[in-house]
Amino acid sequence: MADCLFCRIVRREIPAQVVSEDDQCLAFRDIAPQAPTHILVIPKAHTASLEAVGDAAGVVGAMARMAQQVARAEGVAVTGYRTVINTGSDGGQTVGHLHLHLLGGRDLTWPPG
């Protein structure tokens, strides 16, 4: 999608601090971190939300796999981390491109919001 913020990051039209990339996903640091480690993992192909995944559900597994690898590389896998996928406006999704938040580096309380 031409005007999608995250699609523009994938195309390198907008700079981002990329920490991992493969053929399906891209991981980069959140510009407004909510924890010492706050990384977004996105599919490279535009998918509006988890609700829109449909037959492309395998990409969610690819995102989870990348989140696990990044958590290990960032050193938060030892003490624990949280992954979150917000869906829709009531779910807190603010960018219309599927993304997974990887949060760690501090004690994360529950409930989250």
PDB file of N, CA and C in Angstrom:
ATOM      1  N   MET A   1       0.857  -1.173   0.000  1.00  0.00           N
ATOM      2  CA  MET A   1       0.000   0.000   0.000  1.00  0.00           C
ATOM      3  C   MET A   1       0.904   1.236   0.000  1.00  0.00           C
ATOM      4  N   ALA A   2       0.694   2.118  -0.923  1.00  0.00           N
ATOM      5  CA  ALA A   2       1.599   3.233  -1.179  1.00  0.00           C
ATOM      6  C   ALA A   2       1.787   4.176   0.001  1.00  0.00           C
ATOM      7  N   ASP A   3       0.722   4.510   0.711  1.00  0.00           N
ATOM      8  CA  ASP A   3       0.839   5.511   1.769  1.00  0.00           C
ATOM      9  C   ASP A   3       0.938   4.923   3.172  1.00  0.00           C
ATOM     10  N   CYS A   4       1.034   3.618   3.295  1.00  0.00           N
ATOM     11  CA  CYS A   4       1.134   2.969   4.602  1.00  0.00           C
ATOM     12  C   CYS A   4       2.510   3.249   5.217  1.00  0.00           C
ATOM     13  N   LEU A   5       2.516   3.729   6.446  1.00  0.00           N
ATOM     14  CA  LEU A   5       3.756   4.058   7.142  1.00  0.00           C
ATOM     15  C   LEU A   5       4.727   2.882   7.162  1.00  0.00           C
ATOM     16  N   PHE A   6       4.242   1.710   7.554  1.00  0.00           N
ATOM     17  CA  PHE A   6       5.134   0.563   7.670  1.00  0.00           C
ATOM     18  C   PHE A   6       5.572   0.039   6.306  1.00  0.00           C
ATOM     19  N   CYS A   7       4.721   0.129   5.298  1.00  0.00           N
ATOM     20  CA  CYS A   7       5.133  -0.240   3.946  1.00  0.00           C
ATOM     21  C   CYS A   7       6.247   0.689   3.462  1.00  0.00           C
ATOM     22  N   ARG A   8       6.159   1.943   3.813  1.00  0.00           N
ATOM     23  CA  ARG A   8       7.203   2.904   3.441  1.00  0.00           C
ATOM     24  C   ARG A   8       8.510   2.591   4.164  1.00  0.00           C
ATOM     25  N   ILE A   9       8.434   2.088   5.397  1.00  0.00           N
ATOM     26  CA  ILE A   9       9.643   1.658   6.103  1.00  0.00           C
ATOM     27  C   ILE A   9      10.241   0.439   5.403  1.00  0.00           C
ATOM     28  N   VAL A  10       9.408  -0.518   5.018  1.00  0.00           N
ATOM     29  CA  VAL A  10       9.886  -1.701   4.294  1.00  0.00           C
ATOM     30  C   VAL A  10      10.610  -1.279   3.014  1.00  0.00           C
ATOM     31  N   ARG A  11      10.074  -0.290   2.301  1.00  0.00           N
ATOM     32  CA  ARG A  11      10.673   0.193   1.054  1.00  0.00           C
ATOM     33  C   ARG A  11      11.849   1.139   1.292  1.00  0.00           C
ATOM     34  N   ARG A  12      12.155   1.406   2.549  1.00  0.00           N
ATOM     35  CA  ARG A  12      13.262   2.281   2.964  1.00  0.00           C
ATOM     36  C   ARG A  12      13.035   3.743   2.546  1.00  0.00           C
ATOM     37  N   GLU A  13      11.775   4.135   2.420  1.00  0.00           N
ATOM     38  CA  GLU A  13      11.441   5.525   2.145  1.00  0.00           C
ATOM     39  C   GLU A  13      11.438   6.342   3.433  1.00  0.00           C
ATOM     40  N   ILE A  14      11.252   5.674   4.556  1.00  0.00           N
ATOM     41  CA  ILE A  14      11.301   6.290   5.877  1.00  0.00           C
ATOM     42  C   ILE A  14      12.359   5.531   6.672  1.00  0.00           C
ATOM     43  N   PRO A  15      13.277   6.256   7.304  1.00  0.00           N
ATOM     44  CA  PRO A  15      14.333   5.567   8.046  1.00  0.00           C
ATOM     45  C   PRO A  15      13.796   4.887   9.305  1.00  0.00           C
ATOM     46  N   ALA A  16      14.431   3.781   9.657  1.00  0.00           N
ATOM     47  CA  ALA A  16      14.105   3.049  10.875  1.00  0.00           C
ATOM     48  C   ALA A  16      15.369   2.339  11.344  1.00  0.00           C
ATOM     49  N   GLN A  17      15.447   2.083  12.640  1.00  0.00           N
ATOM     50  CA  GLN A  17      16.573   1.332  13.199  1.00  0.00           C
ATOM     51  C   GLN A  17      16.260  -0.156  13.080  1.00  0.00           C
ATOM     52  N   VAL A  18      16.590  -0.731  11.949  1.00  0.00           N
ATOM     53  CA  VAL A  18      16.310  -2.136  11.666  1.00  0.00           C
ATOM     54  C   VAL A  18      17.238  -3.007  12.509  1.00  0.00           C
ATOM     55  N   VAL A  19      16.644  -4.005  13.170  1.00  0.00           N
ATOM     56  CA  VAL A  19      17.441  -4.931  13.978  1.00  0.00           C
ATOM     57  C   VAL A  19      17.446  -6.339  13.392  1.00  0.00           C
ATOM     58  N   SER A  20      16.494  -6.650  12.515  1.00  0.00           N
ATOM     59  CA  SER A  20      16.454  -7.966  11.884  1.00  0.00           C
ATOM     60  C   SER A  20      15.580  -7.896  10.636  1.00  0.00           C
ATOM     61  N   GLU A  21      15.916  -8.756   9.680  1.00  0.00           N
ATOM     62  CA  GLU A  21      15.151  -8.795   8.436  1.00  0.00           C
ATOM     63  C   GLU A  21      15.338 -10.160   7.786  1.00  0.00           C
ATOM     64  N   ASP A  22      14.266 -10.660   7.207  1.00  0.00           N
ATOM     65  CA  ASP A  22      14.343 -11.843   6.362  1.00  0.00           C
ATOM     66  C   ASP A  22      13.414 -11.623   5.180  1.00  0.00           C
ATOM     67  N   ASP A  23      13.115 -12.674   4.434  1.00  0.00           N
ATOM     68  CA  ASP A  23      12.298 -12.493   3.237  1.00  0.00           C
ATOM     69  C   ASP A  23      10.851 -12.133   3.537  1.00  0.00           C
ATOM     70  N   GLN A  24      10.342 -12.461   4.748  1.00  0.00           N
ATOM     71  CA  GLN A  24       8.941 -12.194   5.085  1.00  0.00           C
ATOM     72  C   GLN A  24       8.731 -11.031   6.039  1.00  0.00           C
ATOM     73  N   CYS A  25       9.694 -10.768   6.930  1.00  0.00           N
ATOM     74  CA  CYS A  25       9.476  -9.830   8.033  1.00  0.00           C
ATOM     75  C   CYS A  25      10.610  -8.831   8.185  1.00  0.00           C
ATOM     76  N   LEU A  26      10.286  -7.762   8.877  1.00  0.00           N
ATOM     77  CA  LEU A  26      11.246  -6.722   9.216  1.00  0.00           C
ATOM     78  C   LEU A  26      11.021  -6.353  10.672  1.00  0.00           C
ATOM     79  N   ALA A  27      12.100  -6.210  11.440  1.00  0.00           N
ATOM     80  CA  ALA A  27      12.004  -5.801  12.844  1.00  0.00           C
ATOM     81  C   ALA A  27      12.807  -4.523  13.037  1.00  0.00           C
ATOM     82  N   PHE A  28      12.198  -3.559  13.736  1.00  0.00           N
ATOM     83  CA  PHE A  28      12.877  -2.281  13.957  1.00  0.00           C
ATOM     84  C   PHE A  28      12.445  -1.703  15.304  1.00  0.00           C
ATOM     85  N   ARG A  29      13.268  -0.807  15.826  1.00  0.00           N
ATOM     86  CA  ARG A  29      12.998  -0.198  17.126  1.00  0.00           C
ATOM     87  C   ARG A  29      11.822   0.773  17.036  1.00  0.00           C
ATOM     88  N   ASP A  30      10.940   0.720  18.039  1.00  0.00           N
ATOM     89  CA  ASP A  30       9.803   1.640  18.117  1.00  0.00           C
ATOM     90  C   ASP A  30      10.324   3.043  18.406  1.00  0.00           C
ATOM     91  N   ILE A  31       9.749   4.048  17.764  1.00  0.00           N
ATOM     92  CA  ILE A  31      10.214   5.422  17.975  1.00  0.00           C
ATOM     93  C   ILE A  31       9.698   6.025  19.286  1.00  0.00           C
ATOM     94  N   ALA A  32       8.721   5.390  19.907  1.00  0.00           N
ATOM     95  CA  ALA A  32       8.189   5.839  21.198  1.00  0.00           C
ATOM     96  C   ALA A  32       8.176   4.635  22.149  1.00  0.00           C
ATOM     97  N   PRO A  33       9.352   4.167  22.560  1.00  0.00           N
ATOM     98  CA  PRO A  33       9.425   2.917  23.329  1.00  0.00           C
ATOM     99  C   PRO A  33       8.702   2.980  24.670  1.00  0.00           C
ATOM    100  N   GLN A  34       8.011   1.876  24.983  1.00  0.00           N
ATOM    101  CA  GLN A  34       7.281   1.726  26.242  1.00  0.00           C
ATOM    102  C   GLN A  34       8.024   0.819  27.223  1.00  0.00           C
ATOM    103  N   ALA A  35       9.208   0.376  26.841  1.00  0.00           N
ATOM    104  CA  ALA A  35      10.071  -0.463  27.672  1.00  0.00           C
ATOM    105  C   ALA A  35      11.487  -0.280  27.146  1.00  0.00           C
ATOM    106  N   PRO A  36      12.503  -0.648  27.941  1.00  0.00           N
ATOM    107  CA  PRO A  36      13.883  -0.514  27.450  1.00  0.00           C
ATOM    108  C   PRO A  36      14.107  -1.205  26.099  1.00  0.00           C
ATOM    109  N   THR A  37      13.487  -2.343  25.902  1.00  0.00           N
ATOM    110  CA  THR A  37      13.483  -3.002  24.595  1.00  0.00           C
ATOM    111  C   THR A  37      12.058  -2.936  24.070  1.00  0.00           C
ATOM    112  N   HIS A  38      11.867  -2.224  22.982  1.00  0.00           N
ATOM    113  CA  HIS A  38      10.558  -2.142  22.328  1.00  0.00           C
ATOM    114  C   HIS A  38      10.805  -2.166  20.828  1.00  0.00           C
ATOM    115  N   ILE A  39      10.542  -3.316  20.255  1.00  0.00           N
ATOM    116  CA  ILE A  39      10.805  -3.543  18.844  1.00  0.00           C
ATOM    117  C   ILE A  39       9.508  -3.971  18.170  1.00  0.00           C
ATOM    118  N   LEU A  40       9.289  -3.481  16.964  1.00  0.00           N
ATOM    119  CA  LEU A  40       8.133  -3.861  16.169  1.00  0.00           C
ATOM    120  C   LEU A  40       8.568  -4.878  15.123  1.00  0.00           C
ATOM    121  N   VAL A  41       7.801  -5.924  14.979  1.00  0.00           N
ATOM    122  CA  VAL A  41       8.029  -6.931  13.940  1.00  0.00           C
ATOM    123  C   VAL A  41       6.828  -6.865  13.003  1.00  0.00           C
ATOM    124  N   ILE A  42       7.102  -6.648  11.726  1.00  0.00           N
ATOM    125  CA  ILE A  42       6.034  -6.488  10.741  1.00  0.00           C
ATOM    126  C   ILE A  42       6.239  -7.433   9.561  1.00  0.00           C
ATOM    127  N   PRO A  43       5.148  -7.835   8.915  1.00  0.00           N
ATOM    128  CA  PRO A  43       5.312  -8.547   7.648  1.00  0.00           C
ATOM    129  C   PRO A  43       5.677  -7.534   6.565  1.00  0.00           C
ATOM    130  N   LYS A  44       6.502  -7.951   5.635  1.00  0.00           N
ATOM    131  CA  LYS A  44       6.867  -7.049   4.541  1.00  0.00           C
ATOM    132  C   LYS A  44       5.690  -6.806   3.592  1.00  0.00           C
ATOM    133  N   ALA A  45       4.876  -7.822   3.400  1.00  0.00           N
ATOM    134  CA  ALA A  45       3.682  -7.667   2.553  1.00  0.00           C
ATOM    135  C   ALA A  45       2.594  -6.999   3.388  1.00  0.00           C
ATOM    136  N   HIS A  46       1.932  -6.023   2.822  1.00  0.00           N
ATOM    137  CA  HIS A  46       0.903  -5.297   3.577  1.00  0.00           C
ATOM    138  C   HIS A  46      -0.265  -6.212   3.952  1.00  0.00           C
ATOM    139  N   THR A  47      -0.538  -6.230   5.231  1.00  0.00           N
ATOM    140  CA  THR A  47      -1.727  -6.875   5.792  1.00  0.00           C
ATOM    141  C   THR A  47      -2.249  -5.887   6.816  1.00  0.00           C
ATOM    142  N   ALA A  48      -3.505  -5.506   6.718  1.00  0.00           N
ATOM    143  CA  ALA A  48      -4.039  -4.427   7.550  1.00  0.00           C
ATOM    144  C   ALA A  48      -4.026  -4.745   9.044  1.00  0.00           C
ATOM    145  N   SER A  49      -4.356  -5.985   9.412  1.00  0.00           N
ATOM    146  CA  SER A  49      -4.443  -6.339  10.824  1.00  0.00           C
ATOM    147  C   SER A  49      -4.495  -7.846  10.961  1.00  0.00           C
ATOM    148  N   LEU A  50      -4.505  -8.325  12.180  1.00  0.00           N
ATOM    149  CA  LEU A  50      -4.655  -9.755  12.419  1.00  0.00           C
ATOM    150  C   LEU A  50      -5.999 -10.236  11.874  1.00  0.00           C
ATOM    151  N   GLU A  51      -7.000  -9.394  11.927  1.00  0.00           N
ATOM    152  CA  GLU A  51      -8.335  -9.720  11.417  1.00  0.00           C
ATOM    153  C   GLU A  51      -8.320  -9.955   9.915  1.00  0.00           C
ATOM    154  N   ALA A  52      -7.351  -9.377   9.214  1.00  0.00           N
ATOM    155  CA  ALA A  52      -7.275  -9.481   7.752  1.00  0.00           C
ATOM    156  C   ALA A  52      -6.302 -10.553   7.270  1.00  0.00           C
ATOM    157  N   VAL A  53      -5.707 -11.327   8.161  1.00  0.00           N
ATOM    158  CA  VAL A  53      -4.678 -12.293   7.774  1.00  0.00           C
ATOM    159  C   VAL A  53      -5.207 -13.363   6.837  1.00  0.00           C
ATOM    160  N   GLY A  54      -6.322 -13.987   7.168  1.00  0.00           N
ATOM    161  CA  GLY A  54      -6.919 -15.003   6.301  1.00  0.00           C
ATOM    162  C   GLY A  54      -5.967 -16.133   5.955  1.00  0.00           C
ATOM    163  N   ASP A  55      -5.805 -16.412   4.661  1.00  0.00           N
ATOM    164  CA  ASP A  55      -4.974 -17.512   4.195  1.00  0.00           C
ATOM    165  C   ASP A  55      -3.480 -17.261   4.396  1.00  0.00           C
ATOM    166  N   ALA A  56      -3.097 -16.048   4.701  1.00  0.00           N
ATOM    167  CA  ALA A  56      -1.690 -15.720   4.895  1.00  0.00           C
ATOM    168  C   ALA A  56      -1.271 -15.846   6.363  1.00  0.00           C
ATOM    169  N   ALA A  57      -1.980 -16.668   7.133  1.00  0.00           N
ATOM    170  CA  ALA A  57      -1.725 -16.791   8.574  1.00  0.00           C
ATOM    171  C   ALA A  57      -0.309 -17.252   8.896  1.00  0.00           C
ATOM    172  N   GLY A  58       0.370 -17.883   7.950  1.00  0.00           N
ATOM    173  CA  GLY A  58       1.750 -18.313   8.182  1.00  0.00           C
ATOM    174  C   GLY A  58       2.678 -17.167   8.510  1.00  0.00           C
ATOM    175  N   VAL A  59       2.318 -15.970   8.072  1.00  0.00           N
ATOM    176  CA  VAL A  59       3.162 -14.810   8.356  1.00  0.00           C
ATOM    177  C   VAL A  59       3.194 -14.506   9.856  1.00  0.00           C
ATOM    178  N   VAL A  60       2.139 -14.835  10.576  1.00  0.00           N
ATOM    179  CA  VAL A  60       2.112 -14.610  12.028  1.00  0.00           C
ATOM    180  C   VAL A  60       3.160 -15.503  12.704  1.00  0.00           C
ATOM    181  N   GLY A  61       3.290 -16.726  12.226  1.00  0.00           N
ATOM    182  CA  GLY A  61       4.329 -17.612  12.736  1.00  0.00           C
ATOM    183  C   GLY A  61       5.720 -17.079  12.435  1.00  0.00           C
ATOM    184  N   ALA A  62       5.901 -16.531  11.237  1.00  0.00           N
ATOM    185  CA  ALA A  62       7.187 -15.938  10.864  1.00  0.00           C
ATOM    186  C   ALA A  62       7.504 -14.736  11.757  1.00  0.00           C
ATOM    187  N   MET A  63       6.482 -13.950  12.091  1.00  0.00           N
ATOM    188  CA  MET A  63       6.679 -12.803  12.984  1.00  0.00           C
ATOM    189  C   MET A  63       7.076 -13.283  14.384  1.00  0.00           C
ATOM    190  N   ALA A  64       6.416 -14.318  14.867  1.00  0.00           N
ATOM    191  CA  ALA A  64       6.728 -14.860  16.195  1.00  0.00           C
ATOM    192  C   ALA A  64       8.143 -15.418  16.232  1.00  0.00           C
ATOM    193  N   ARG A  65       8.530 -16.101  15.180  1.00  0.00           N
ATOM    194  CA  ARG A  65       9.886 -16.660  15.104  1.00  0.00           C
ATOM    195  C   ARG A  65      10.922 -15.540  15.134  1.00  0.00           C
ATOM    196  N   MET A  66      10.681 -14.463  14.382  1.00  0.00           N
ATOM    197  CA  MET A  66      11.611 -13.344  14.380  1.00  0.00           C
ATOM    198  C   MET A  66      11.639 -12.664  15.746  1.00  0.00           C
ATOM    199  N   ALA A  67      10.480 -12.522  16.384  1.00  0.00           N
ATOM    200  CA  ALA A  67      10.437 -11.911  17.720  1.00  0.00           C
ATOM    201  C   ALA A  67      11.288 -12.718  18.694  1.00  0.00           C
ATOM    202  N   GLN A  68      11.200 -14.038  18.634  1.00  0.00           N
ATOM    203  CA  GLN A  68      12.001 -14.900  19.501  1.00  0.00           C
ATOM    204  C   GLN A  68      13.487 -14.684  19.245  1.00  0.00           C
ATOM    205  N   GLN A  69      13.898 -14.636  17.996  1.00  0.00           N
ATOM    206  CA  GLN A  69      15.302 -14.434  17.653  1.00  0.00           C
ATOM    207  C   GLN A  69      15.805 -13.070  18.126  1.00  0.00           C
ATOM    208  N   VAL A  70      14.988 -12.040  17.936  1.00  0.00           N
ATOM    209  CA  VAL A  70      15.366 -10.696  18.353  1.00  0.00           C
ATOM    210  C   VAL A  70      15.443 -10.612  19.879  1.00  0.00           C
ATOM    211  N   ALA A  71      14.491 -11.233  20.579  1.00  0.00           N
ATOM    212  CA  ALA A  71      14.513 -11.234  22.048  1.00  0.00           C
ATOM    213  C   ALA A  71      15.807 -11.852  22.563  1.00  0.00           C
ATOM    214  N   ARG A  72      16.241 -12.930  21.939  1.00  0.00           N
ATOM    215  CA  ARG A  72      17.509 -13.555  22.332  1.00  0.00           C
ATOM    216  C   ARG A  72      18.679 -12.635  22.048  1.00  0.00           C
ATOM    217  N   ALA A  73      18.692 -12.030  20.864  1.00  0.00           N
ATOM    218  CA  ALA A  73      19.784 -11.128  20.481  1.00  0.00           C
ATOM    219  C   ALA A  73      19.844  -9.890  21.377  1.00  0.00           C
ATOM    220  N   GLU A  74      18.689  -9.418  21.820  1.00  0.00           N
ATOM    221  CA  GLU A  74      18.621  -8.224  22.680  1.00  0.00           C
ATOM    222  C   GLU A  74      18.884  -8.551  24.150  1.00  0.00           C
ATOM    223  N   GLY A  75      18.945  -9.828  24.487  1.00  0.00           N
ATOM    224  CA  GLY A  75      19.230 -10.246  25.855  1.00  0.00           C
ATOM    225  C   GLY A  75      18.040 -10.255  26.791  1.00  0.00           C
ATOM    226  N   VAL A  76      16.827 -10.162  26.265  1.00  0.00           N
ATOM    227  CA  VAL A  76      15.647 -10.149  27.137  1.00  0.00           C
ATOM    228  C   VAL A  76      15.004 -11.524  27.270  1.00  0.00           C
ATOM    229  N   ALA A  77      15.457 -12.491  26.479  1.00  0.00           N
ATOM    230  CA  ALA A  77      14.859 -13.825  26.551  1.00  0.00           C
ATOM    231  C   ALA A  77      15.156 -14.507  27.875  1.00  0.00           C
ATOM    232  N   VAL A  78      16.252 -14.148  28.518  1.00  0.00           N
ATOM    233  CA  VAL A  78      16.646 -14.785  29.780  1.00  0.00           C
ATOM    234  C   VAL A  78      15.651 -14.458  30.895  1.00  0.00           C
ATOM    235  N   THR A  79      15.260 -13.201  31.022  1.00  0.00           N
ATOM    236  CA  THR A  79      14.372 -12.781  32.105  1.00  0.00           C
ATOM    237  C   THR A  79      12.910 -12.714  31.699  1.00  0.00           C
ATOM    238  N   GLY A  80      12.642 -12.668  30.397  1.00  0.00           N
ATOM    239  CA  GLY A  80      11.275 -12.657  29.899  1.00  0.00           C
ATOM    240  C   GLY A  80      10.928 -11.416  29.108  1.00  0.00           C
ATOM    241  N   TYR A  81       9.934 -11.564  28.279  1.00  0.00           N
ATOM    242  CA  TYR A  81       9.484 -10.471  27.425  1.00  0.00           C
ATOM    243  C   TYR A  81       8.013 -10.678  27.100  1.00  0.00           C
ATOM    244  N   ARG A  82       7.408  -9.665  26.526  1.00  0.00           N
ATOM    245  CA  ARG A  82       6.001  -9.731  26.142  1.00  0.00           C
ATOM    246  C   ARG A  82       5.888  -9.456  24.649  1.00  0.00           C
ATOM    247  N   THR A  83       4.986 -10.180  23.996  1.00  0.00           N
ATOM    248  CA  THR A  83       4.635  -9.883  22.610  1.00  0.00           C
ATOM    249  C   THR A  83       3.158  -9.508  22.578  1.00  0.00           C
ATOM    250  N   VAL A  84       2.848  -8.494  21.801  1.00  0.00           N
ATOM    251  CA  VAL A  84       1.481  -7.983  21.727  1.00  0.00           C
ATOM    252  C   VAL A  84       1.146  -7.675  20.269  1.00  0.00           C
ATOM    253  N   ILE A  85      -0.030  -8.109  19.842  1.00  0.00           N
ATOM    254  CA  ILE A  85      -0.573  -7.699  18.546  1.00  0.00           C
ATOM    255  C   ILE A  85      -1.900  -7.007  18.825  1.00  0.00           C
ATOM    256  N   ASN A  86      -1.933  -5.702  18.636  1.00  0.00           N
ATOM    257  CA  ASN A  86      -3.168  -4.938  18.793  1.00  0.00           C
ATOM    258  C   ASN A  86      -3.961  -5.031  17.496  1.00  0.00           C
ATOM    259  N   THR A  87      -5.279  -5.202  17.619  1.00  0.00           N
ATOM    260  CA  THR A  87      -6.127  -5.341  16.435  1.00  0.00           C
ATOM    261  C   THR A  87      -7.323  -4.413  16.547  1.00  0.00           C
ATOM    262  N   GLY A  88      -7.457  -3.522  15.577  1.00  0.00           N
ATOM    263  CA  GLY A  88      -8.579  -2.590  15.548  1.00  0.00           C
ATOM    264  C   GLY A  88      -8.409  -1.442  16.532  1.00  0.00           C
ATOM    265  N   SER A  89      -9.234  -0.434  16.383  1.00  0.00           N
ATOM    266  CA  SER A  89      -9.099   0.768  17.217  1.00  0.00           C
ATOM    267  C   SER A  89      -9.341   0.487  18.696  1.00  0.00           C
ATOM    268  N   ASP A  90     -10.341  -0.310  19.041  1.00  0.00           N
ATOM    269  CA  ASP A  90     -10.564  -0.638  20.451  1.00  0.00           C
ATOM    270  C   ASP A  90      -9.450  -1.510  21.016  1.00  0.00           C
ATOM    271  N   GLY A  91      -8.749  -2.231  20.171  1.00  0.00           N
ATOM    272  CA  GLY A  91      -7.620  -3.048  20.596  1.00  0.00           C
ATOM    273  C   GLY A  91      -6.322  -2.269  20.695  1.00  0.00           C
ATOM    274  N   GLY A  92      -6.356  -0.998  20.320  1.00  0.00           N
ATOM    275  CA  GLY A  92      -5.177  -0.146  20.433  1.00  0.00           C
ATOM    276  C   GLY A  92      -4.307  -0.078  19.199  1.00  0.00           C
ATOM    277  N   GLN A  93      -4.778  -0.614  18.061  1.00  0.00           N
ATOM    278  CA  GLN A  93      -3.982  -0.554  16.835  1.00  0.00           C
ATOM    279  C   GLN A  93      -4.031   0.862  16.274  1.00  0.00           C
ATOM    280  N   THR A  94      -2.854   1.479  16.103  1.00  0.00           N
ATOM    281  CA  THR A  94      -2.790   2.858  15.608  1.00  0.00           C
ATOM    282  C   THR A  94      -2.220   2.966  14.210  1.00  0.00           C
ATOM    283  N   VAL A  95      -1.587   1.911  13.721  1.00  0.00           N
ATOM    284  CA  VAL A  95      -1.082   1.880  12.343  1.00  0.00           C
ATOM    285  C   VAL A  95      -1.774   0.721  11.643  1.00  0.00           C
ATOM    286  N   GLY A  96      -2.357   0.977  10.489  1.00  0.00           N
ATOM    287  CA  GLY A  96      -3.125  -0.027   9.770  1.00  0.00           C
ATOM    288  C   GLY A  96      -2.276  -1.008   8.989  1.00  0.00           C
ATOM    289  N   HIS A  97      -1.308  -1.581   9.653  1.00  0.00           N
ATOM    290  CA  HIS A  97      -0.437  -2.621   9.092  1.00  0.00           C
ATOM    291  C   HIS A  97      -0.138  -3.560  10.248  1.00  0.00           C
ATOM    292  N   LEU A  98      -0.403  -4.850  10.069  1.00  0.00           N
ATOM    293  CA  LEU A  98      -0.167  -5.837  11.112  1.00  0.00           C
ATOM    294  C   LEU A  98       1.227  -5.668  11.706  1.00  0.00           C
ATOM    295  N   HIS A  99       1.323  -5.632  13.033  1.00  0.00           N
ATOM    296  CA  HIS A  99       2.626  -5.550  13.684  1.00  0.00           C
ATOM    297  C   HIS A  99       2.570  -6.159  15.068  1.00  0.00           C
ATOM    298  N   LEU A 100       3.691  -6.703  15.465  1.00  0.00           N
ATOM    299  CA  LEU A 100       3.868  -7.333  16.766  1.00  0.00           C
ATOM    300  C   LEU A 100       4.823  -6.473  17.575  1.00  0.00           C
ATOM    301  N   HIS A 101       4.417  -6.121  18.790  1.00  0.00           N
ATOM    302  CA  HIS A 101       5.293  -5.397  19.702  1.00  0.00           C
ATOM    303  C   HIS A 101       6.072  -6.411  20.530  1.00  0.00           C
ATOM    304  N   LEU A 102       7.378  -6.262  20.585  1.00  0.00           N
ATOM    305  CA  LEU A 102       8.243  -7.044  21.456  1.00  0.00           C
ATOM    306  C   LEU A 102       8.731  -6.095  22.543  1.00  0.00           C
ATOM    307  N   LEU A 103       8.327  -6.372  23.779  1.00  0.00           N
ATOM    308  CA  LEU A 103       8.658  -5.504  24.912  1.00  0.00           C
ATOM    309  C   LEU A 103       9.447  -6.294  25.947  1.00  0.00           C
ATOM    310  N   GLY A 104      10.486  -5.700  26.494  1.00  0.00           N
ATOM    311  CA  GLY A 104      11.266  -6.366  27.525  1.00  0.00           C
ATOM    312  C   GLY A 104      12.245  -5.410  28.179  1.00  0.00           C
ATOM    313  N   GLY A 105      13.024  -5.961  29.079  1.00  0.00           N
ATOM    314  CA  GLY A 105      14.041  -5.158  29.750  1.00  0.00           C
ATOM    315  C   GLY A 105      13.579  -4.545  31.051  1.00  0.00           C
ATOM    316  N   ARG A 106      12.369  -4.835  31.464  1.00  0.00           N
ATOM    317  CA  ARG A 106      11.854  -4.381  32.760  1.00  0.00           C
ATOM    318  C   ARG A 106      10.703  -5.310  33.157  1.00  0.00           C
ATOM    319  N   ASP A 107      10.286  -5.208  34.413  1.00  0.00           N
ATOM    320  CA  ASP A 107       9.141  -5.986  34.885  1.00  0.00           C
ATOM    321  C   ASP A 107       7.878  -5.431  34.235  1.00  0.00           C
ATOM    322  N   LEU A 108       7.175  -6.256  33.500  1.00  0.00           N
ATOM    323  CA  LEU A 108       5.964  -5.834  32.804  1.00  0.00           C
ATOM    324  C   LEU A 108       4.755  -6.258  33.622  1.00  0.00           C
ATOM    325  N   THR A 109       3.981  -5.301  34.061  1.00  0.00           N
ATOM    326  CA  THR A 109       2.841  -5.574  34.930  1.00  0.00           C
ATOM    327  C   THR A 109       1.652  -6.074  34.137  1.00  0.00           C
ATOM    328  N   TRP A 110       0.673  -6.608  34.854  1.00  0.00           N
ATOM    329  CA  TRP A 110      -0.553  -7.105  34.242  1.00  0.00           C
ATOM    330  C   TRP A 110      -1.729  -6.671  35.100  1.00  0.00           C
ATOM    331  N   PRO A 111      -2.828  -6.224  34.562  1.00  0.00           N
ATOM    332  CA  PRO A 111      -3.118  -6.115  33.132  1.00  0.00           C
ATOM    333  C   PRO A 111      -2.382  -4.949  32.502  1.00  0.00           C
ATOM    334  N   PRO A 112      -2.202  -4.995  31.175  1.00  0.00           N
ATOM    335  CA  PRO A 112      -1.363  -4.019  30.511  1.00  0.00           C
ATOM    336  C   PRO A 112      -1.990  -2.647  30.279  1.00  0.00           C
ATOM    337  N   GLY A 113      -3.309  -2.494  30.251  1.00  0.00           N
ATOM    338  CA  GLY A 113      -3.789  -1.167  29.917  1.00  0.00           C
ATOM    339  C   GLY A 113      -5.164  -0.847  30.290  1.00  0.00           C
TER     340      GLY A 113
END
